[in-house]
Amino acid sequence: MSAEYTFEAVFSNDHFTQLGECFNVKANRPVIITFDESVNANSAKNNIFAAADESGNTNLLDINISVEGRQVTVIPVNNWSADGCCIFIKEAVCDIYGNELGRNLKYKIENVRSVMVEKD
């Protein structure tokens, strides 16, 4: 006897511990997150994402991630969502020695300011 099951895995709002919040961020500004130890660049790129949806399930945002030692810089490819968004840091982010973070974190961005376009 056999059976086939289908399920959808989603993040819940409380699955991620709130890391912090920032307000009135310019729409194209990078967010710099500092860790205790030097971060493995590949693990950061594979385990950090951003979404306009606070649960992290939909409305994913295109971001670029760069790592310099303990600092991880998250830069929006276009802009942060005007309605606010979150950066999600999954528990698998590890340091250069392979030690994993071990918990999920969320950094909330609210009241995003538009970018002024200069006229010639």
PDB file of N, CA and C in Angstrom:
ATOM      1  N   MET A   1       0.841  -1.181   0.000  1.00  0.00           N
ATOM      2  CA  MET A   1       0.000   0.000   0.000  1.00  0.00           C
ATOM      3  C   MET A   1       0.885   1.243   0.000  1.00  0.00           C
ATOM      4  N   SER A   2       0.538   2.234  -0.774  1.00  0.00           N
ATOM      5  CA  SER A   2       1.311   3.480  -0.795  1.00  0.00           C
ATOM      6  C   SER A   2       0.362   4.664  -0.900  1.00  0.00           C
ATOM      7  N   ALA A   3       0.880   5.793  -0.528  1.00  0.00           N
ATOM      8  CA  ALA A   3       0.078   7.020  -0.592  1.00  0.00           C
ATOM      9  C   ALA A   3       0.990   8.174  -0.940  1.00  0.00           C
ATOM     10  N   GLU A   4       0.415   9.196  -1.516  1.00  0.00           N
ATOM     11  CA  GLU A   4       1.180  10.390  -1.859  1.00  0.00           C
ATOM     12  C   GLU A   4       0.572  11.575  -1.143  1.00  0.00           C
ATOM     13  N   TYR A   5       1.430  12.353  -0.493  1.00  0.00           N
ATOM     14  CA  TYR A   5       0.960  13.519   0.255  1.00  0.00           C
ATOM     15  C   TYR A   5       1.617  14.776  -0.311  1.00  0.00           C
ATOM     16  N   THR A   6       0.876  15.830  -0.369  1.00  0.00           N
ATOM     17  CA  THR A   6       1.403  17.116  -0.808  1.00  0.00           C
ATOM     18  C   THR A   6       1.139  18.129   0.286  1.00  0.00           C
ATOM     19  N   PHE A   7       2.162  18.895   0.616  1.00  0.00           N
ATOM     20  CA  PHE A   7       1.969  19.956   1.613  1.00  0.00           C
ATOM     21  C   PHE A   7       2.778  21.169   1.200  1.00  0.00           C
ATOM     22  N   GLU A   8       2.398  22.285   1.742  1.00  0.00           N
ATOM     23  CA  GLU A   8       3.091  23.537   1.452  1.00  0.00           C
ATOM     24  C   GLU A   8       3.715  24.049   2.744  1.00  0.00           C
ATOM     25  N   ALA A   9       5.019  24.253   2.722  1.00  0.00           N
ATOM     26  CA  ALA A   9       5.717  24.770   3.898  1.00  0.00           C
ATOM     27  C   ALA A   9       5.782  26.284   3.797  1.00  0.00           C
ATOM     28  N   VAL A  10       5.346  26.952   4.836  1.00  0.00           N
ATOM     29  CA  VAL A  10       5.379  28.419   4.860  1.00  0.00           C
ATOM     30  C   VAL A  10       5.941  28.885   6.197  1.00  0.00           C
ATOM     31  N   PHE A  11       6.453  30.105   6.203  1.00  0.00           N
ATOM     32  CA  PHE A  11       6.927  30.715   7.440  1.00  0.00           C
ATOM     33  C   PHE A  11       5.748  31.394   8.127  1.00  0.00           C
ATOM     34  N   SER A  12       5.653  31.276   9.417  1.00  0.00           N
ATOM     35  CA  SER A  12       4.619  32.004  10.150  1.00  0.00           C
ATOM     36  C   SER A  12       5.215  33.311  10.656  1.00  0.00           C
ATOM     37  N   ASN A  13       4.362  34.254  11.032  1.00  0.00           N
ATOM     38  CA  ASN A  13       4.844  35.549  11.503  1.00  0.00           C
ATOM     39  C   ASN A  13       5.765  35.431  12.704  1.00  0.00           C
ATOM     40  N   ASP A  14       5.514  34.450  13.568  1.00  0.00           N
ATOM     41  CA  ASP A  14       6.326  34.340  14.782  1.00  0.00           C
ATOM     42  C   ASP A  14       7.447  33.304  14.656  1.00  0.00           C
ATOM     43  N   HIS A  15       7.655  32.777  13.448  1.00  0.00           N
ATOM     44  CA  HIS A  15       8.728  31.808  13.226  1.00  0.00           C
ATOM     45  C   HIS A  15      10.094  32.483  13.362  1.00  0.00           C
ATOM     46  N   PHE A  16      10.164  33.764  13.059  1.00  0.00           N
ATOM     47  CA  PHE A  16      11.403  34.517  13.130  1.00  0.00           C
ATOM     48  C   PHE A  16      11.376  35.461  14.328  1.00  0.00           C
ATOM     49  N   THR A  17      12.437  35.463  15.108  1.00  0.00           N
ATOM     50  CA  THR A  17      12.565  36.381  16.226  1.00  0.00           C
ATOM     51  C   THR A  17      12.889  37.766  15.682  1.00  0.00           C
ATOM     52  N   GLN A  18      12.237  38.795  16.222  1.00  0.00           N
ATOM     53  CA  GLN A  18      12.483  40.159  15.756  1.00  0.00           C
ATOM     54  C   GLN A  18      13.886  40.603  16.155  1.00  0.00           C
ATOM     55  N   LEU A  19      14.703  40.952  15.176  1.00  0.00           N
ATOM     56  CA  LEU A  19      16.068  41.401  15.415  1.00  0.00           C
ATOM     57  C   LEU A  19      16.102  42.896  15.698  1.00  0.00           C
ATOM     58  N   GLY A  20      15.310  43.651  14.971  1.00  0.00           N
ATOM     59  CA  GLY A  20      15.296  45.096  15.141  1.00  0.00           C
ATOM     60  C   GLY A  20      14.384  45.727  14.112  1.00  0.00           C
ATOM     61  N   GLU A  21      14.232  47.036  14.211  1.00  0.00           N
ATOM     62  CA  GLU A  21      13.394  47.775  13.277  1.00  0.00           C
ATOM     63  C   GLU A  21      14.087  49.072  12.914  1.00  0.00           C
ATOM     64  N   CYS A  22      13.838  49.549  11.714  1.00  0.00           N
ATOM     65  CA  CYS A  22      14.321  50.881  11.340  1.00  0.00           C
ATOM     66  C   CYS A  22      13.175  51.611  10.644  1.00  0.00           C
ATOM     67  N   PHE A  23      13.157  52.915  10.824  1.00  0.00           N
ATOM     68  CA  PHE A  23      12.082  53.753  10.310  1.00  0.00           C
ATOM     69  C   PHE A  23      12.648  54.836   9.403  1.00  0.00           C
ATOM     70  N   ASN A  24      11.845  55.271   8.443  1.00  0.00           N
ATOM     71  CA  ASN A  24      12.206  56.367   7.542  1.00  0.00           C
ATOM     72  C   ASN A  24      13.498  56.114   6.777  1.00  0.00           C
ATOM     73  N   VAL A  25      13.663  54.894   6.309  1.00  0.00           N
ATOM     74  CA  VAL A  25      14.828  54.542   5.509  1.00  0.00           C
ATOM     75  C   VAL A  25      14.578  54.968   4.077  1.00  0.00           C
ATOM     76  N   LYS A  26      15.604  55.527   3.422  1.00  0.00           N
ATOM     77  CA  LYS A  26      15.462  55.849   2.009  1.00  0.00           C
ATOM     78  C   LYS A  26      15.293  54.557   1.225  1.00  0.00           C
ATOM     79  N   ALA A  27      14.499  54.617   0.183  1.00  0.00           N
ATOM     80  CA  ALA A  27      14.091  53.425  -0.556  1.00  0.00           C
ATOM     81  C   ALA A  27      15.249  52.640  -1.162  1.00  0.00           C
ATOM     82  N   ASN A  28      16.364  53.308  -1.436  1.00  0.00           N
ATOM     83  CA  ASN A  28      17.478  52.611  -2.077  1.00  0.00           C
ATOM     84  C   ASN A  28      18.678  52.426  -1.151  1.00  0.00           C
ATOM     85  N   ARG A  29      18.513  52.685   0.141  1.00  0.00           N
ATOM     86  CA  ARG A  29      19.606  52.599   1.107  1.00  0.00           C
ATOM     87  C   ARG A  29      19.937  51.164   1.491  1.00  0.00           C
ATOM     88  N   PRO A  30      21.224  50.854   1.609  1.00  0.00           N
ATOM     89  CA  PRO A  30      21.589  49.523   2.114  1.00  0.00           C
ATOM     90  C   PRO A  30      21.340  49.417   3.614  1.00  0.00           C
ATOM     91  N   VAL A  31      21.135  48.207   4.073  1.00  0.00           N
ATOM     92  CA  VAL A  31      21.007  47.933   5.500  1.00  0.00           C
ATOM     93  C   VAL A  31      22.223  47.096   5.888  1.00  0.00           C
ATOM     94  N   ILE A  32      22.944  47.531   6.926  1.00  0.00           N
ATOM     95  CA  ILE A  32      24.143  46.823   7.375  1.00  0.00           C
ATOM     96  C   ILE A  32      23.834  46.139   8.695  1.00  0.00           C
ATOM     97  N   ILE A  33      24.058  44.833   8.726  1.00  0.00           N
ATOM     98  CA  ILE A  33      23.826  44.043   9.933  1.00  0.00           C
ATOM     99  C   ILE A  33      25.172  43.512  10.394  1.00  0.00           C
ATOM    100  N   THR A  34      25.510  43.743  11.658  1.00  0.00           N
ATOM    101  CA  THR A  34      26.790  43.309  12.198  1.00  0.00           C
ATOM    102  C   THR A  34      26.602  42.108  13.121  1.00  0.00           C
ATOM    103  N   PHE A  35      27.392  41.081  12.883  1.00  0.00           N
ATOM    104  CA  PHE A  35      27.358  39.861  13.679  1.00  0.00           C
ATOM    105  C   PHE A  35      28.548  39.830  14.635  1.00  0.00           C
ATOM    106  N   ASP A  36      28.548  38.869  15.561  1.00  0.00           N
ATOM    107  CA  ASP A  36      29.639  38.732  16.528  1.00  0.00           C
ATOM    108  C   ASP A  36      30.919  38.200  15.904  1.00  0.00           C
ATOM    109  N   GLU A  37      30.784  37.361  14.904  1.00  0.00           N
ATOM    110  CA  GLU A  37      31.930  36.732  14.242  1.00  0.00           C
ATOM    111  C   GLU A  37      31.891  37.028  12.750  1.00  0.00           C
ATOM    112  N   SER A  38      33.004  36.795  12.069  1.00  0.00           N
ATOM    113  CA  SER A  38      33.051  36.955  10.619  1.00  0.00           C
ATOM    114  C   SER A  38      32.105  35.960   9.969  1.00  0.00           C
ATOM    115  N   VAL A  39      31.322  36.446   9.025  1.00  0.00           N
ATOM    116  CA  VAL A  39      30.254  35.661   8.411  1.00  0.00           C
ATOM    117  C   VAL A  39      30.755  34.999   7.130  1.00  0.00           C
ATOM    118  N   ASN A  40      30.351  33.743   6.919  1.00  0.00           N
ATOM    119  CA  ASN A  40      30.645  33.031   5.686  1.00  0.00           C
ATOM    120  C   ASN A  40      29.776  33.650   4.588  1.00  0.00           C
ATOM    121  N   ALA A  41      30.402  34.167   3.539  1.00  0.00           N
ATOM    122  CA  ALA A  41      29.677  34.886   2.488  1.00  0.00           C
ATOM    123  C   ALA A  41      28.647  34.010   1.785  1.00  0.00           C
ATOM    124  N   ASN A  42      29.003  32.762   1.474  1.00  0.00           N
ATOM    125  CA  ASN A  42      28.051  31.886   0.782  1.00  0.00           C
ATOM    126  C   ASN A  42      26.833  31.593   1.639  1.00  0.00           C
ATOM    127  N   SER A  43      27.038  31.380   2.935  1.00  0.00           N
ATOM    128  CA  SER A  43      25.885  31.091   3.788  1.00  0.00           C
ATOM    129  C   SER A  43      24.978  32.309   3.900  1.00  0.00           C
ATOM    130  N   ALA A  44      25.559  33.503   3.916  1.00  0.00           N
ATOM    131  CA  ALA A  44      24.750  34.728   3.972  1.00  0.00           C
ATOM    132  C   ALA A  44      23.915  34.863   2.705  1.00  0.00           C
ATOM    133  N   LYS A  45      24.534  34.653   1.558  1.00  0.00           N
ATOM    134  CA  LYS A  45      23.824  34.801   0.282  1.00  0.00           C
ATOM    135  C   LYS A  45      22.727  33.762   0.109  1.00  0.00           C
ATOM    136  N   ASN A  46      22.917  32.583   0.694  1.00  0.00           N
ATOM    137  CA  ASN A  46      21.929  31.510   0.553  1.00  0.00           C
ATOM    138  C   ASN A  46      20.841  31.530   1.618  1.00  0.00           C
ATOM    139  N   ASN A  47      21.055  32.272   2.701  1.00  0.00           N
ATOM    140  CA  ASN A  47      20.132  32.186   3.836  1.00  0.00           C
ATOM    141  C   ASN A  47      19.573  33.524   4.307  1.00  0.00           C
ATOM    142  N   ILE A  48      19.770  34.558   3.532  1.00  0.00           N
ATOM    143  CA  ILE A  48      19.183  35.868   3.853  1.00  0.00           C
ATOM    144  C   ILE A  48      18.316  36.280   2.667  1.00  0.00           C
ATOM    145  N   PHE A  49      17.082  36.656   2.949  1.00  0.00           N
ATOM    146  CA  PHE A  49      16.194  37.116   1.891  1.00  0.00           C
ATOM    147  C   PHE A  49      15.342  38.261   2.419  1.00  0.00           C
ATOM    148  N   ALA A  50      14.696  38.970   1.520  1.00  0.00           N
ATOM    149  CA  ALA A  50      13.836  40.097   1.906  1.00  0.00           C
ATOM    150  C   ALA A  50      12.487  39.924   1.231  1.00  0.00           C
ATOM    151  N   ALA A  51      11.458  40.412   1.917  1.00  0.00           N
ATOM    152  CA  ALA A  51      10.100  40.307   1.374  1.00  0.00           C
ATOM    153  C   ALA A  51       9.264  41.487   1.840  1.00  0.00           C
ATOM    154  N   ALA A  52       8.330  41.898   0.997  1.00  0.00           N
ATOM    155  CA  ALA A  52       7.390  42.948   1.379  1.00  0.00           C
ATOM    156  C   ALA A  52       6.316  42.392   2.295  1.00  0.00           C
ATOM    157  N   ASP A  53       6.143  41.079   2.266  1.00  0.00           N
ATOM    158  CA  ASP A  53       5.191  40.392   3.132  1.00  0.00           C
ATOM    159  C   ASP A  53       5.893  40.073   4.450  1.00  0.00           C
ATOM    160  N   GLU A  54       5.334  40.507   5.574  1.00  0.00           N
ATOM    161  CA  GLU A  54       5.972  40.335   6.878  1.00  0.00           C
ATOM    162  C   GLU A  54       6.160  38.871   7.262  1.00  0.00           C
ATOM    163  N   SER A  55       5.386  37.989   6.667  1.00  0.00           N
ATOM    164  CA  SER A  55       5.540  36.568   6.970  1.00  0.00           C
ATOM    165  C   SER A  55       6.667  35.937   6.152  1.00  0.00           C
ATOM    166  N   GLY A  56       7.097  36.604   5.085  1.00  0.00           N
ATOM    167  CA  GLY A  56       8.168  36.080   4.246  1.00  0.00           C
ATOM    168  C   GLY A  56       7.712  35.062   3.237  1.00  0.00           C
ATOM    169  N   ASN A  57       6.414  34.920   3.056  1.00  0.00           N
ATOM    170  CA  ASN A  57       5.889  33.900   2.154  1.00  0.00           C
ATOM    171  C   ASN A  57       5.684  34.381   0.722  1.00  0.00           C
ATOM    172  N   THR A  58       5.452  35.670   0.543  1.00  0.00           N
ATOM    173  CA  THR A  58       5.191  36.195  -0.804  1.00  0.00           C
ATOM    174  C   THR A  58       5.891  37.543  -0.960  1.00  0.00           C
ATOM    175  N   ASN A  59       5.800  38.103  -2.145  1.00  0.00           N
ATOM    176  CA  ASN A  59       6.351  39.430  -2.442  1.00  0.00           C
ATOM    177  C   ASN A  59       7.833  39.530  -2.101  1.00  0.00           C
ATOM    178  N   LEU A  60       8.613  38.524  -2.560  1.00  0.00           N
ATOM    179  CA  LEU A  60      10.053  38.563  -2.314  1.00  0.00           C
ATOM    180  C   LEU A  60      10.683  39.720  -3.070  1.00  0.00           C
ATOM    181  N   LEU A  61      11.683  40.345  -2.488  1.00  0.00           N
ATOM    182  CA  LEU A  61      12.374  41.484  -3.093  1.00  0.00           C
ATOM    183  C   LEU A  61      13.742  41.036  -3.591  1.00  0.00           C
ATOM    184  N   ASP A  62      14.155  41.573  -4.736  1.00  0.00           N
ATOM    185  CA  ASP A  62      15.499  41.306  -5.238  1.00  0.00           C
ATOM    186  C   ASP A  62      16.501  42.102  -4.412  1.00  0.00           C
ATOM    187  N   ILE A  63      17.501  41.397  -3.875  1.00  0.00           N
ATOM    188  CA  ILE A  63      18.528  42.058  -3.065  1.00  0.00           C
ATOM    189  C   ILE A  63      19.902  41.557  -3.475  1.00  0.00           C
ATOM    190  N   ASN A  64      20.900  42.361  -3.185  1.00  0.00           N
ATOM    191  CA  ASN A  64      22.290  41.961  -3.302  1.00  0.00           C
ATOM    192  C   ASN A  64      22.862  41.925  -1.899  1.00  0.00           C
ATOM    193  N   ILE A  65      23.705  40.941  -1.642  1.00  0.00           N
ATOM    194  CA  ILE A  65      24.309  40.795  -0.318  1.00  0.00           C
ATOM    195  C   ILE A  65      25.816  40.787  -0.474  1.00  0.00           C
ATOM    196  N   SER A  66      26.483  41.615   0.325  1.00  0.00           N
ATOM    197  CA  SER A  66      27.938  41.583   0.368  1.00  0.00           C
ATOM    198  C   SER A  66      28.367  41.386   1.817  1.00  0.00           C
ATOM    199  N   VAL A  67      29.489  40.710   1.980  1.00  0.00           N
ATOM    200  CA  VAL A  67      29.981  40.385   3.317  1.00  0.00           C
ATOM    201  C   VAL A  67      31.423  40.867   3.455  1.00  0.00           C
ATOM    202  N   GLU A  68      31.674  41.605   4.519  1.00  0.00           N
ATOM    203  CA  GLU A  68      33.033  42.024   4.867  1.00  0.00           C
ATOM    204  C   GLU A  68      33.238  41.732   6.337  1.00  0.00           C
ATOM    205  N   GLY A  69      33.876  40.606   6.622  1.00  0.00           N
ATOM    206  CA  GLY A  69      34.104  40.223   8.007  1.00  0.00           C
ATOM    207  C   GLY A  69      32.806  39.984   8.747  1.00  0.00           C
ATOM    208  N   ARG A  70      32.571  40.797   9.780  1.00  0.00           N
ATOM    209  CA  ARG A  70      31.364  40.652  10.603  1.00  0.00           C
ATOM    210  C   ARG A  70      30.163  41.381  10.027  1.00  0.00           C
ATOM    211  N   GLN A  71      30.373  42.217   9.012  1.00  0.00           N
ATOM    212  CA  GLN A  71      29.286  43.028   8.469  1.00  0.00           C
ATOM    213  C   GLN A  71      28.679  42.418   7.212  1.00  0.00           C
ATOM    214  N   VAL A  72      27.354  42.315   7.224  1.00  0.00           N
ATOM    215  CA  VAL A  72      26.603  41.879   6.052  1.00  0.00           C
ATOM    216  C   VAL A  72      25.798  43.071   5.566  1.00  0.00           C
ATOM    217  N   THR A  73      25.995  43.442   4.313  1.00  0.00           N
ATOM    218  CA  THR A  73      25.277  44.572   3.732  1.00  0.00           C
ATOM    219  C   THR A  73      24.214  44.039   2.780  1.00  0.00           C
ATOM    220  N   VAL A  74      22.974  44.457   3.016  1.00  0.00           N
ATOM    221  CA  VAL A  74      21.843  44.040   2.185  1.00  0.00           C
ATOM    222  C   VAL A  74      21.374  45.267   1.411  1.00  0.00           C
ATOM    223  N   ILE A  75      21.425  45.154   0.081  1.00  0.00           N
ATOM    224  CA  ILE A  75      21.103  46.294  -0.782  1.00  0.00           C
ATOM    225  C   ILE A  75      19.945  45.911  -1.701  1.00  0.00           C
ATOM    226  N   PRO A  76      18.900  46.737  -1.763  1.00  0.00           N
ATOM    227  CA  PRO A  76      17.798  46.416  -2.682  1.00  0.00           C
ATOM    228  C   PRO A  76      18.235  46.644  -4.128  1.00  0.00           C
ATOM    229  N   VAL A  77      17.876  45.719  -5.021  1.00  0.00           N
ATOM    230  CA  VAL A  77      18.216  45.879  -6.433  1.00  0.00           C
ATOM    231  C   VAL A  77      17.446  47.062  -7.009  1.00  0.00           C
ATOM    232  N   ASN A  78      16.177  47.166  -6.678  1.00  0.00           N
ATOM    233  CA  ASN A  78      15.374  48.306  -7.104  1.00  0.00           C
ATOM    234  C   ASN A  78      15.221  49.246  -5.913  1.00  0.00           C
ATOM    235  N   ASN A  79      14.221  49.039  -5.114  1.00  0.00           N
ATOM    236  CA  ASN A  79      13.989  49.830  -3.903  1.00  0.00           C
ATOM    237  C   ASN A  79      13.322  48.942  -2.864  1.00  0.00           C
ATOM    238  N   TRP A  80      13.412  49.344  -1.599  1.00  0.00           N
ATOM    239  CA  TRP A  80      12.630  48.678  -0.564  1.00  0.00           C
ATOM    240  C   TRP A  80      11.170  48.978  -0.841  1.00  0.00           C
ATOM    241  N   SER A  81      10.286  48.122  -0.443  1.00  0.00           N
ATOM    242  CA  SER A  81       8.861  48.315  -0.652  1.00  0.00           C
ATOM    243  C   SER A  81       8.385  49.554   0.105  1.00  0.00           C
ATOM    244  N   ALA A  82       7.617  50.396  -0.564  1.00  0.00           N
ATOM    245  CA  ALA A  82       7.120  51.631   0.057  1.00  0.00           C
ATOM    246  C   ALA A  82       6.231  51.350   1.260  1.00  0.00           C
ATOM    247  N   ASP A  83       5.595  50.181   1.283  1.00  0.00           N
ATOM    248  CA  ASP A  83       4.722  49.817   2.395  1.00  0.00           C
ATOM    249  C   ASP A  83       5.478  49.168   3.547  1.00  0.00           C
ATOM    250  N   GLY A  84       6.789  49.057   3.402  1.00  0.00           N
ATOM    251  CA  GLY A  84       7.603  48.404   4.417  1.00  0.00           C
ATOM    252  C   GLY A  84       7.937  46.989   4.001  1.00  0.00           C
ATOM    253  N   CYS A  85       8.956  46.429   4.617  1.00  0.00           N
ATOM    254  CA  CYS A  85       9.379  45.079   4.283  1.00  0.00           C
ATOM    255  C   CYS A  85      10.233  44.526   5.413  1.00  0.00           C
ATOM    256  N   CYS A  86      10.666  43.307   5.240  1.00  0.00           N
ATOM    257  CA  CYS A  86      11.499  42.656   6.259  1.00  0.00           C
ATOM    258  C   CYS A  86      12.668  41.951   5.595  1.00  0.00           C
ATOM    259  N   ILE A  87      13.782  41.924   6.311  1.00  0.00           N
ATOM    260  CA  ILE A  87      14.929  41.114   5.922  1.00  0.00           C
ATOM    261  C   ILE A  87      14.906  39.898   6.833  1.00  0.00           C
ATOM    262  N   PHE A  88      14.930  38.719   6.236  1.00  0.00           N
ATOM    263  CA  PHE A  88      14.864  37.473   6.990  1.00  0.00           C
ATOM    264  C   PHE A  88      16.235  36.813   7.000  1.00  0.00           C
ATOM    265  N   ILE A  89      16.701  36.445   8.187  1.00  0.00           N
ATOM    266  CA  ILE A  89      17.997  35.793   8.356  1.00  0.00           C
ATOM    267  C   ILE A  89      17.720  34.396   8.901  1.00  0.00           C
ATOM    268  N   LYS A  90      17.965  33.392   8.080  1.00  0.00           N
ATOM    269  CA  LYS A  90      17.654  32.021   8.477  1.00  0.00           C
ATOM    270  C   LYS A  90      18.748  31.447   9.375  1.00  0.00           C
ATOM    271  N   GLU A  91      18.375  30.479  10.169  1.00  0.00           N
ATOM    272  CA  GLU A  91      19.251  29.901  11.182  1.00  0.00           C
ATOM    273  C   GLU A  91      20.507  29.260  10.623  1.00  0.00           C
ATOM    274  N   ALA A  92      20.538  28.952   9.331  1.00  0.00           N
ATOM    275  CA  ALA A  92      21.695  28.297   8.728  1.00  0.00           C
ATOM    276  C   ALA A  92      22.835  29.252   8.388  1.00  0.00           C
ATOM    277  N   VAL A  93      22.662  30.558   8.577  1.00  0.00           N
ATOM    278  CA  VAL A  93      23.769  31.489   8.362  1.00  0.00           C
ATOM    279  C   VAL A  93      24.885  31.095   9.328  1.00  0.00           C
ATOM    280  N   CYS A  94      26.101  30.973   8.795  1.00  0.00           N
ATOM    281  CA  CYS A  94      27.189  30.533   9.666  1.00  0.00           C
ATOM    282  C   CYS A  94      28.393  31.451   9.564  1.00  0.00           C
ATOM    283  N   ASP A  95      29.282  31.308  10.550  1.00  0.00           N
ATOM    284  CA  ASP A  95      30.516  32.085  10.538  1.00  0.00           C
ATOM    285  C   ASP A  95      31.559  31.359   9.687  1.00  0.00           C
ATOM    286  N   ILE A  96      32.740  31.918   9.584  1.00  0.00           N
ATOM    287  CA  ILE A  96      33.774  31.333   8.723  1.00  0.00           C
ATOM    288  C   ILE A  96      34.290  30.002   9.266  1.00  0.00           C
ATOM    289  N   TYR A  97      33.941  29.663  10.488  1.00  0.00           N
ATOM    290  CA  TYR A  97      34.357  28.396  11.091  1.00  0.00           C
ATOM    291  C   TYR A  97      33.289  27.313  10.964  1.00  0.00           C
ATOM    292  N   GLY A  98      32.127  27.661  10.391  1.00  0.00           N
ATOM    293  CA  GLY A  98      31.053  26.693  10.196  1.00  0.00           C
ATOM    294  C   GLY A  98      30.017  26.655  11.299  1.00  0.00           C
ATOM    295  N   ASN A  99      30.148  27.516  12.313  1.00  0.00           N
ATOM    296  CA  ASN A  99      29.157  27.565  13.393  1.00  0.00           C
ATOM    297  C   ASN A  99      27.905  28.273  12.905  1.00  0.00           C
ATOM    298  N   GLU A 100      26.761  27.596  12.988  1.00  0.00           N
ATOM    299  CA  GLU A 100      25.505  28.186  12.511  1.00  0.00           C
ATOM    300  C   GLU A 100      24.898  29.125  13.538  1.00  0.00           C
ATOM    301  N   LEU A 101      24.141  30.093  13.044  1.00  0.00           N
ATOM    302  CA  LEU A 101      23.452  31.056  13.897  1.00  0.00           C
ATOM    303  C   LEU A 101      22.485  30.344  14.834  1.00  0.00           C
ATOM    304  N   GLY A 102      21.765  29.348  14.326  1.00  0.00           N
ATOM    305  CA  GLY A 102      20.919  28.506  15.161  1.00  0.00           C
ATOM    306  C   GLY A 102      19.548  29.064  15.491  1.00  0.00           C
ATOM    307  N   ARG A 103      19.188  30.196  14.930  1.00  0.00           N
ATOM    308  CA  ARG A 103      17.845  30.743  15.130  1.00  0.00           C
ATOM    309  C   ARG A 103      17.505  31.653  13.961  1.00  0.00           C
ATOM    310  N   ASN A 104      16.241  31.793  13.704  1.00  0.00           N
ATOM    311  CA  ASN A 104      15.772  32.654  12.623  1.00  0.00           C
ATOM    312  C   ASN A 104      15.531  34.061  13.160  1.00  0.00           C
ATOM    313  N   LEU A 105      15.978  35.060  12.401  1.00  0.00           N
ATOM    314  CA  LEU A 105      15.827  36.455  12.816  1.00  0.00           C
ATOM    315  C   LEU A 105      15.161  37.254  11.703  1.00  0.00           C
ATOM    316  N   LYS A 106      14.487  38.324  12.104  1.00  0.00           N
ATOM    317  CA  LYS A 106      13.795  39.194  11.141  1.00  0.00           C
ATOM    318  C   LYS A 106      14.107  40.642  11.488  1.00  0.00           C
ATOM    319  N   TYR A 107      14.476  41.425  10.476  1.00  0.00           N
ATOM    320  CA  TYR A 107      14.753  42.846  10.646  1.00  0.00           C
ATOM    321  C   TYR A 107      13.702  43.603   9.853  1.00  0.00           C
ATOM    322  N   LYS A 108      12.943  44.434  10.522  1.00  0.00           N
ATOM    323  CA  LYS A 108      11.789  45.099   9.902  1.00  0.00           C
ATOM    324  C   LYS A 108      12.148  46.523   9.464  1.00  0.00           C
ATOM    325  N   ILE A 109      11.741  46.876   8.246  1.00  0.00           N
ATOM    326  CA  ILE A 109      11.954  48.213   7.696  1.00  0.00           C
ATOM    327  C   ILE A 109      10.581  48.840   7.481  1.00  0.00           C
ATOM    328  N   GLU A 110      10.341  49.995   8.129  1.00  0.00           N
ATOM    329  CA  GLU A 110       9.036  50.639   8.019  1.00  0.00           C
ATOM    330  C   GLU A 110       9.179  52.092   7.567  1.00  0.00           C
ATOM    331  N   ASN A 111       8.084  52.636   7.076  1.00  0.00           N
ATOM    332  CA  ASN A 111       8.017  54.039   6.640  1.00  0.00           C
ATOM    333  C   ASN A 111       9.138  54.373   5.652  1.00  0.00           C
ATOM    334  N   VAL A 112       9.195  53.606   4.574  1.00  0.00           N
ATOM    335  CA  VAL A 112      10.229  53.811   3.557  1.00  0.00           C
ATOM    336  C   VAL A 112       9.984  55.125   2.846  1.00  0.00           C
ATOM    337  N   ARG A 113      11.049  55.935   2.752  1.00  0.00           N
ATOM    338  CA  ARG A 113      10.946  57.228   2.062  1.00  0.00           C
ATOM    339  C   ARG A 113      11.287  57.062   0.587  1.00  0.00           C
ATOM    340  N   SER A 114      10.612  57.816  -0.255  1.00  0.00           N
ATOM    341  CA  SER A 114      10.900  57.739  -1.679  1.00  0.00           C
ATOM    342  C   SER A 114      12.224  58.411  -1.982  1.00  0.00           C
ATOM    343  N   VAL A 115      12.782  58.061  -3.115  1.00  0.00           N
ATOM    344  CA  VAL A 115      14.046  58.632  -3.549  1.00  0.00           C
ATOM    345  C   VAL A 115      13.762  59.818  -4.435  1.00  0.00           C
ATOM    346  N   MET A 116      14.363  60.947  -4.115  1.00  0.00           N
ATOM    347  CA  MET A 116      14.179  62.151  -4.922  1.00  0.00           C
ATOM    348  C   MET A 116      15.001  62.027  -6.197  1.00  0.00           C
ATOM    349  N   VAL A 117      14.410  62.370  -7.329  1.00  0.00           N
ATOM    350  CA  VAL A 117      15.104  62.363  -8.589  1.00  0.00           C
ATOM    351  C   VAL A 117      15.514  63.793  -8.915  1.00  0.00           C
ATOM    352  N   GLU A 118      16.817  63.978  -9.111  1.00  0.00           N
ATOM    353  CA  GLU A 118      17.308  65.327  -9.409  1.00  0.00           C
ATOM    354  C   GLU A 118      17.070  65.653 -10.860  1.00  0.00           C
ATOM    355  N   LYS A 119      16.599  66.886 -11.085  1.00  0.00           N
ATOM    356  CA  LYS A 119      16.361  67.346 -12.454  1.00  0.00           C
ATOM    357  C   LYS A 119      17.552  68.160 -12.914  1.00  0.00           C
ATOM    358  N   ASP A 120      17.883  68.015 -14.179  1.00  0.00           N
ATOM    359  CA  ASP A 120      19.016  68.771 -14.752  1.00  0.00           C
ATOM    360  C   ASP A 120      18.607  70.184 -15.089  1.00  0.00           C
TER     361      ASP A 120
END
